[in-house]
Amino acid sequence: MDRALQQRWIAAESLLRRAADGDTRRGVEQLRALSREAVTGTHSEAERVAVSLLRAEGIEGWVANYEVRAGDSIMAIADVAFVAVRLAIELDGRAWHVDADQFQRDRRRQNALVKAGWTVLRYTWRDLTEEPDRVIAEIRHTLRILRLDCAL
């Protein structure tokens, strides 16, 4: 499901509609649960964990899978973006980053974000699941610094 959403083979809302049609086949209940999670705008389990952490900590002002544009074209899609202060949170899950080409594209995308004035923080699945307090502390600290810069 995550790959289908990432590649835009299907939209989360369409997936939810299809899963909600009363089908009783094996696995449909799990599909319904996953579809409800996907409607949050997240495209991977790592993104869902990150969003859950942000919500649990009361951190607001973010958008999942935000399209950063340069004119009419999409320069990058930030996994989680604090648009007002130009902070992008990138989540590196194993399933998505095993491909060398994808790894390379991610580095180019990060460089493009930085050149456009964005701050980028990167976290792995291990960061999110084994050190969530550190992740949240770093995000809060970075937000404080960026908000101060915006106020000047």
Protein backbone atom coordinates (compact mmCIF):
# COMPACT_ATOMS: atom_id res chain seq x y z
CA MET A 1 0.00 0.00 0.00
CA ASP A 2 2.78 2.43 0.90
CA ARG A 3 4.50 1.88 -2.45
CA ALA A 4 1.21 2.41 -4.32
CA LEU A 5 0.69 5.70 -2.48
CA GLN A 6 4.32 6.81 -2.95
CA GLN A 7 4.20 6.12 -6.68
CA ARG A 8 0.74 7.73 -6.87
CA TRP A 9 -0.77 4.63 -8.39
CA ILE A 10 -3.74 5.25 -6.11
CA ALA A 11 -4.89 8.12 -3.88
CA ALA A 12 -5.48 7.51 -0.18
CA GLU A 13 -9.09 8.68 -0.43
CA SER A 14 -9.76 6.26 -3.30
CA LEU A 15 -8.21 3.43 -1.30
CA LEU A 16 -10.43 4.27 1.67
CA ARG A 17 -13.55 4.30 -0.52
CA ARG A 18 -12.69 0.91 -2.00
CA ALA A 19 -12.00 -0.59 1.41
CA ALA A 20 -15.27 0.75 2.86
CA ASP A 21 -17.65 -0.95 0.43
CA GLY A 22 -18.73 -3.76 2.78
CA ASP A 23 -16.41 -6.39 1.32
CA THR A 24 -15.92 -9.29 3.75
CA ARG A 25 -12.97 -11.03 2.06
CA ARG A 26 -9.96 -12.01 4.13
CA GLY A 27 -7.61 -9.06 4.71
CA VAL A 28 -10.17 -6.35 3.94
CA GLU A 29 -10.44 -5.33 7.61
CA GLN A 30 -6.67 -4.77 7.72
CA LEU A 31 -6.90 -2.83 4.46
CA ARG A 32 -9.58 -0.61 6.00
CA ALA A 33 -7.37 0.13 9.01
CA LEU A 34 -4.35 0.89 6.83
CA SER A 35 -6.47 3.05 4.54
CA ARG A 36 -7.70 5.15 7.45
CA GLU A 37 -4.07 5.73 8.45
CA ALA A 38 -3.13 6.66 4.88
CA VAL A 39 -5.76 9.41 4.76
CA THR A 40 -3.61 11.36 7.26
CA GLY A 41 -1.40 12.24 4.29
CA THR A 42 1.39 9.86 5.24
CA HIS A 43 2.87 7.45 2.71
CA SER A 44 4.85 5.06 4.89
CA GLU A 45 4.93 3.46 8.29
CA ALA A 46 7.86 5.70 9.27
CA GLU A 47 5.81 8.77 8.37
CA ARG A 48 2.87 7.47 10.43
CA VAL A 49 5.17 6.94 13.44
CA ALA A 50 6.64 10.46 13.05
CA VAL A 51 3.19 12.03 12.77
CA SER A 52 2.04 10.09 15.85
CA LEU A 53 5.04 11.39 17.80
CA LEU A 54 4.36 14.97 16.75
CA ARG A 55 0.69 14.70 17.69
CA ALA A 56 1.44 13.02 21.03
CA GLU A 57 3.83 15.87 21.88
CA GLY A 58 1.35 18.55 20.82
CA ILE A 59 3.64 19.86 18.09
CA GLU A 60 1.54 21.64 15.47
CA GLY A 61 2.05 23.58 12.28
CA TRP A 62 3.24 20.72 10.09
CA VAL A 63 1.99 19.18 6.85
CA ALA A 64 2.66 15.60 5.72
CA ASN A 65 4.07 15.16 2.21
CA TYR A 66 4.27 18.84 1.40
CA GLU A 67 5.08 19.76 -2.20
CA VAL A 68 7.89 22.32 -2.24
CA ARG A 69 7.57 24.17 -5.51
CA ALA A 70 9.94 26.16 -7.67
CA GLY A 71 7.59 28.06 -9.95
CA ASP A 72 5.21 25.59 -11.55
CA SER A 73 7.31 22.50 -10.86
CA ILE A 74 7.64 20.39 -7.75
CA MET A 75 11.19 20.65 -6.45
CA ALA A 76 10.71 18.15 -3.63
CA ILE A 77 8.08 16.51 -1.47
CA ALA A 78 9.01 16.86 2.18
CA ASP A 79 7.84 13.92 4.31
CA VAL A 80 6.84 16.38 7.03
CA ALA A 81 7.12 20.14 6.56
CA PHE A 82 6.81 23.08 8.89
CA VAL A 83 6.13 25.46 6.03
CA ALA A 84 6.09 28.72 8.02
CA VAL A 85 9.72 28.23 9.09
CA ARG A 86 10.89 26.14 6.11
CA LEU A 87 11.77 23.03 8.12
CA ALA A 88 11.61 19.72 6.28
CA ILE A 89 11.70 16.42 8.16
CA GLU A 90 12.90 13.56 5.96
CA LEU A 91 12.31 9.98 7.06
CA ASP A 92 14.59 7.28 5.74
CA GLY A 93 12.88 3.91 5.93
CA ARG A 94 14.60 0.73 4.80
CA ALA A 95 11.89 -0.25 2.32
CA TRP A 96 12.14 3.00 0.37
CA HIS A 97 15.90 3.59 0.49
CA VAL A 98 17.32 0.21 -0.50
CA ASP A 99 17.57 1.30 -4.11
CA ALA A 100 20.79 3.20 -4.96
CA ASP A 101 18.99 5.45 -7.45
CA GLN A 102 16.39 6.43 -4.86
CA PHE A 103 19.13 7.11 -2.34
CA GLN A 104 20.85 9.40 -4.89
CA ARG A 105 17.59 11.22 -5.72
CA ASP A 106 16.99 11.84 -2.01
CA ARG A 107 20.39 13.49 -1.64
CA ARG A 108 19.78 15.72 -4.65
CA ARG A 109 16.34 16.62 -3.30
CA GLN A 110 17.85 17.53 0.07
CA ASN A 111 20.45 19.74 -1.60
CA ALA A 112 17.71 21.48 -3.60
CA LEU A 113 15.75 22.13 -0.41
CA VAL A 114 18.78 23.59 1.33
CA LYS A 115 19.58 25.82 -1.67
CA ALA A 116 15.97 27.05 -1.53
CA GLY A 117 16.42 28.10 2.09
CA TRP A 118 14.95 25.08 3.88
CA THR A 119 16.46 23.38 6.93
CA VAL A 120 16.38 19.58 6.64
CA LEU A 121 16.41 17.08 9.50
CA ARG A 122 16.72 13.39 8.60
CA TYR A 123 15.61 10.49 10.78
CA THR A 124 15.67 6.73 10.37
CA TRP A 125 13.19 4.12 11.53
CA ARG A 126 15.60 3.32 14.35
CA ASP A 127 15.65 6.99 15.45
CA LEU A 128 11.85 7.11 15.53
CA THR A 129 11.34 3.83 17.37
CA GLU A 130 14.37 3.63 19.67
CA GLU A 131 15.08 7.30 20.42
CA PRO A 132 11.81 9.20 19.96
CA ASP A 133 12.58 11.59 22.85
CA ARG A 134 15.80 12.70 21.15
CA VAL A 135 14.00 13.15 17.81
CA ILE A 136 11.28 15.28 19.40
CA ALA A 137 13.87 17.32 21.35
CA GLU A 138 15.83 18.03 18.14
CA ILE A 139 12.70 19.05 16.25
CA ARG A 140 11.57 21.34 19.10
CA HIS A 141 15.05 22.89 19.34
CA THR A 142 15.24 23.49 15.59
CA LEU A 143 11.75 24.99 15.54
CA ARG A 144 12.70 27.40 18.35
CA ILE A 145 15.81 28.53 16.46
CA LEU A 146 13.96 28.95 13.16
CA ARG A 147 11.08 30.83 14.79
CA LEU A 148 13.57 33.20 16.39
CA ASP A 149 15.19 33.79 13.00
CA CYS A 150 11.78 34.51 11.47
CA ALA A 151 11.02 37.03 14.20
CA LEU A 152 14.17 39.05 13.50
